[in-house]
Amino acid sequence: MKTVGILTGGGDAPGLNAVIRAIVRRSNPRGYRMIGIRHGWRGLLTKETVELDAGATAGILHRGGTILGTSRTNPYKNPKDARAVEENFKALGLDVLVAIGGAIDAATGGH
């Protein structure tokens, strides 16, 4: 079974819950384990997670923002945080990470 992590970054935008729900609803029946990472990249640094399934994503479309929470954390500004993201990705048993939202800083190429 593949494990997919989902996090939301940047501002708390109204369309994020629809994206989370769509990913979970399409992935769970195909045998993927879905892990929500709370508070965006900050949550990956601190390993704050929640299991996501159809029940966890029921009724979220009408709610604004994101059920996972978000932050404006950029772990790639600090090499120590970048390493922690990689280590926690492995520690959580993730095979894939879906990062939704946020913006790329044109001055740094997203780093």
C-alpha atoms as a PDB file:
ATOM      1  CA  MET A   1       0.000   0.000   0.000  1.00  0.00           C
ATOM      2  CA  LYS A   2       1.321   3.424  -0.950  1.00  0.00           C
ATOM      3  CA  THR A   3       1.077   6.244   1.580  1.00  0.00           C
ATOM      4  CA  VAL A   4       0.330   9.741   0.345  1.00  0.00           C
ATOM      5  CA  GLY A   5       0.840  12.854   2.434  1.00  0.00           C
ATOM      6  CA  ILE A   6      -1.225  15.967   1.726  1.00  0.00           C
ATOM      7  CA  LEU A   7      -0.388  19.432   3.036  1.00  0.00           C
ATOM      8  CA  THR A   8      -1.691  22.906   2.313  1.00  0.00           C
ATOM      9  CA  GLY A   9       0.616  25.894   2.266  1.00  0.00           C
ATOM     10  CA  GLY A  10       0.378  29.634   1.853  1.00  0.00           C
ATOM     11  CA  GLY A  11      -2.850  31.488   2.558  1.00  0.00           C
ATOM     12  CA  ASP A  12      -5.997  29.775   3.781  1.00  0.00           C
ATOM     13  CA  ALA A  13      -7.929  29.755   0.484  1.00  0.00           C
ATOM     14  CA  PRO A  14     -11.534  28.575   0.019  1.00  0.00           C
ATOM     15  CA  GLY A  15     -10.841  25.952  -2.674  1.00  0.00           C
ATOM     16  CA  LEU A  16      -8.372  23.890  -0.655  1.00  0.00           C
ATOM     17  CA  ASN A  17     -10.946  21.609   0.997  1.00  0.00           C
ATOM     18  CA  ALA A  18     -12.382  20.636  -2.389  1.00  0.00           C
ATOM     19  CA  VAL A  19      -8.926  19.594  -3.565  1.00  0.00           C
ATOM     20  CA  ILE A  20      -8.230  17.624  -0.368  1.00  0.00           C
ATOM     21  CA  ARG A  21     -11.592  15.855  -0.654  1.00  0.00           C
ATOM     22  CA  ALA A  22     -11.105  15.019  -4.343  1.00  0.00           C
ATOM     23  CA  ILE A  23      -7.655  13.530  -3.771  1.00  0.00           C
ATOM     24  CA  VAL A  24      -8.844  11.436  -0.822  1.00  0.00           C
ATOM     25  CA  ARG A  25     -12.034  10.241  -2.518  1.00  0.00           C
ATOM     26  CA  ARG A  26     -10.154   9.128  -5.637  1.00  0.00           C
ATOM     27  CA  SER A  27      -7.171   7.608  -3.819  1.00  0.00           C
ATOM     28  CA  ASN A  28      -8.668   5.624  -0.923  1.00  0.00           C
ATOM     29  CA  PRO A  29     -10.670   3.222  -3.138  1.00  0.00           C
ATOM     30  CA  ARG A  30      -7.506   2.552  -5.132  1.00  0.00           C
ATOM     31  CA  GLY A  31      -5.727   1.336  -2.024  1.00  0.00           C
ATOM     32  CA  TYR A  32      -3.754   4.430  -1.065  1.00  0.00           C
ATOM     33  CA  ARG A  33      -3.365   5.398   2.577  1.00  0.00           C
ATOM     34  CA  MET A  34      -3.901   9.146   2.921  1.00  0.00           C
ATOM     35  CA  ILE A  35      -2.186  11.189   5.622  1.00  0.00           C
ATOM     36  CA  GLY A  36      -3.085  14.835   6.174  1.00  0.00           C
ATOM     37  CA  ILE A  37      -0.224  16.978   7.394  1.00  0.00           C
ATOM     38  CA  ARG A  38      -1.490  19.661   9.757  1.00  0.00           C
ATOM     39  CA  HIS A  39      -0.295  23.270   9.441  1.00  0.00           C
ATOM     40  CA  GLY A  40       1.437  22.912   6.076  1.00  0.00           C
ATOM     41  CA  TRP A  41       5.205  22.566   5.887  1.00  0.00           C
ATOM     42  CA  ARG A  42       5.454  23.373   9.600  1.00  0.00           C
ATOM     43  CA  GLY A  43       3.451  20.211  10.282  1.00  0.00           C
ATOM     44  CA  LEU A  44       5.892  18.142   8.262  1.00  0.00           C
ATOM     45  CA  LEU A  45       8.715  19.592  10.358  1.00  0.00           C
ATOM     46  CA  THR A  46       6.895  18.588  13.565  1.00  0.00           C
ATOM     47  CA  LYS A  47       5.166  15.428  12.235  1.00  0.00           C
ATOM     48  CA  GLU A  48       1.615  16.621  12.976  1.00  0.00           C
ATOM     49  CA  THR A  49      -0.624  14.286  10.992  1.00  0.00           C
ATOM     50  CA  VAL A  50      -4.168  13.001  10.700  1.00  0.00           C
ATOM     51  CA  GLU A  51      -5.550  10.018   8.773  1.00  0.00           C
ATOM     52  CA  LEU A  52      -7.744  11.075   5.860  1.00  0.00           C
ATOM     53  CA  ASP A  53     -10.578   8.963   4.511  1.00  0.00           C
ATOM     54  CA  ALA A  54     -14.103   9.530   3.207  1.00  0.00           C
ATOM     55  CA  GLY A  55     -15.397  10.125   6.738  1.00  0.00           C
ATOM     56  CA  ALA A  56     -12.720  12.688   7.556  1.00  0.00           C
ATOM     57  CA  THR A  57     -13.497  14.622   4.383  1.00  0.00           C
ATOM     58  CA  ALA A  58     -17.308  14.388   4.496  1.00  0.00           C
ATOM     59  CA  GLY A  59     -19.079  17.725   4.661  1.00  0.00           C
ATOM     60  CA  ILE A  60     -15.992  19.874   4.145  1.00  0.00           C
ATOM     61  CA  LEU A  61     -16.906  21.489   0.819  1.00  0.00           C
ATOM     62  CA  HIS A  62     -19.008  24.236   2.396  1.00  0.00           C
ATOM     63  CA  ARG A  63     -16.275  25.132   4.890  1.00  0.00           C
ATOM     64  CA  GLY A  64     -13.894  27.861   3.872  1.00  0.00           C
ATOM     65  CA  GLY A  65     -10.151  27.461   4.074  1.00  0.00           C
ATOM     66  CA  THR A  66      -8.521  24.146   4.797  1.00  0.00           C
ATOM     67  CA  ILE A  67      -9.337  21.417   7.306  1.00  0.00           C
ATOM     68  CA  LEU A  68      -5.614  20.719   7.581  1.00  0.00           C
ATOM     69  CA  GLY A  69      -4.571  24.224   8.506  1.00  0.00           C
ATOM     70  CA  THR A  70      -1.759  26.049   6.804  1.00  0.00           C
ATOM     71  CA  SER A  71       1.329  28.078   7.473  1.00  0.00           C
ATOM     72  CA  ARG A  72       3.698  30.218   5.498  1.00  0.00           C
ATOM     73  CA  THR A  73       6.641  28.055   6.494  1.00  0.00           C
ATOM     74  CA  ASN A  74       9.341  27.544   3.875  1.00  0.00           C
ATOM     75  CA  PRO A  75      11.627  24.751   5.068  1.00  0.00           C
ATOM     76  CA  TYR A  76      13.973  25.301   2.161  1.00  0.00           C
ATOM     77  CA  LYS A  77      15.175  28.633   3.542  1.00  0.00           C
ATOM     78  CA  ASN A  78      17.136  26.727   6.187  1.00  0.00           C
ATOM     79  CA  PRO A  79      19.252  23.659   5.292  1.00  0.00           C
ATOM     80  CA  LYS A  80      18.544  22.116   8.714  1.00  0.00           C
ATOM     81  CA  ASP A  81      14.772  22.356   8.122  1.00  0.00           C
ATOM     82  CA  ALA A  82      15.147  20.956   4.596  1.00  0.00           C
ATOM     83  CA  ARG A  83      16.930  17.910   6.007  1.00  0.00           C
ATOM     84  CA  ALA A  84      14.214  17.546   8.681  1.00  0.00           C
ATOM     85  CA  VAL A  85      11.531  17.510   5.958  1.00  0.00           C
ATOM     86  CA  GLU A  86      13.344  14.698   4.164  1.00  0.00           C
ATOM     87  CA  GLU A  87      13.862  12.744   7.391  1.00  0.00           C
ATOM     88  CA  ASN A  88      10.237  13.166   8.490  1.00  0.00           C
ATOM     89  CA  PHE A  89       8.989  12.184   5.016  1.00  0.00           C
ATOM     90  CA  LYS A  90      10.789   8.877   5.506  1.00  0.00           C
ATOM     91  CA  ALA A  91       9.828   8.535   9.200  1.00  0.00           C
ATOM     92  CA  LEU A  92       6.137   8.941   8.336  1.00  0.00           C
ATOM     93  CA  GLY A  93       6.428   6.241   5.684  1.00  0.00           C
ATOM     94  CA  LEU A  94       5.337   8.553   2.877  1.00  0.00           C
ATOM     95  CA  ASP A  95       5.746   7.497  -0.724  1.00  0.00           C
ATOM     96  CA  VAL A  96       4.316  10.707  -2.190  1.00  0.00           C
ATOM     97  CA  LEU A  97       3.723  14.245  -0.950  1.00  0.00           C
ATOM     98  CA  VAL A  98       1.032  16.465  -2.456  1.00  0.00           C
ATOM     99  CA  ALA A  99       1.576  20.119  -1.557  1.00  0.00           C
ATOM    100  CA  ILE A 100      -1.441  22.302  -2.363  1.00  0.00           C
ATOM    101  CA  GLY A 101      -1.417  26.107  -2.413  1.00  0.00           C
ATOM    102  CA  GLY A 102       1.300  28.603  -1.720  1.00  0.00           C
ATOM    103  CA  ALA A 103       3.321  30.505  -4.240  1.00  0.00           C
ATOM    104  CA  ILE A 104       6.759  30.201  -5.708  1.00  0.00           C
ATOM    105  CA  ASP A 105       9.084  33.069  -4.892  1.00  0.00           C
ATOM    106  CA  ALA A 106      10.381  34.161  -8.300  1.00  0.00           C
ATOM    107  CA  ALA A 107      13.485  35.693  -6.743  1.00  0.00           C
ATOM    108  CA  THR A 108      14.618  32.389  -5.253  1.00  0.00           C
ATOM    109  CA  GLY A 109      13.044  29.891  -7.643  1.00  0.00           C
ATOM    110  CA  GLY A 110      10.873  28.576  -4.821  1.00  0.00           C
ATOM    111  CA  HIS A 111      13.693  28.031  -2.352  1.00  0.00           C
END
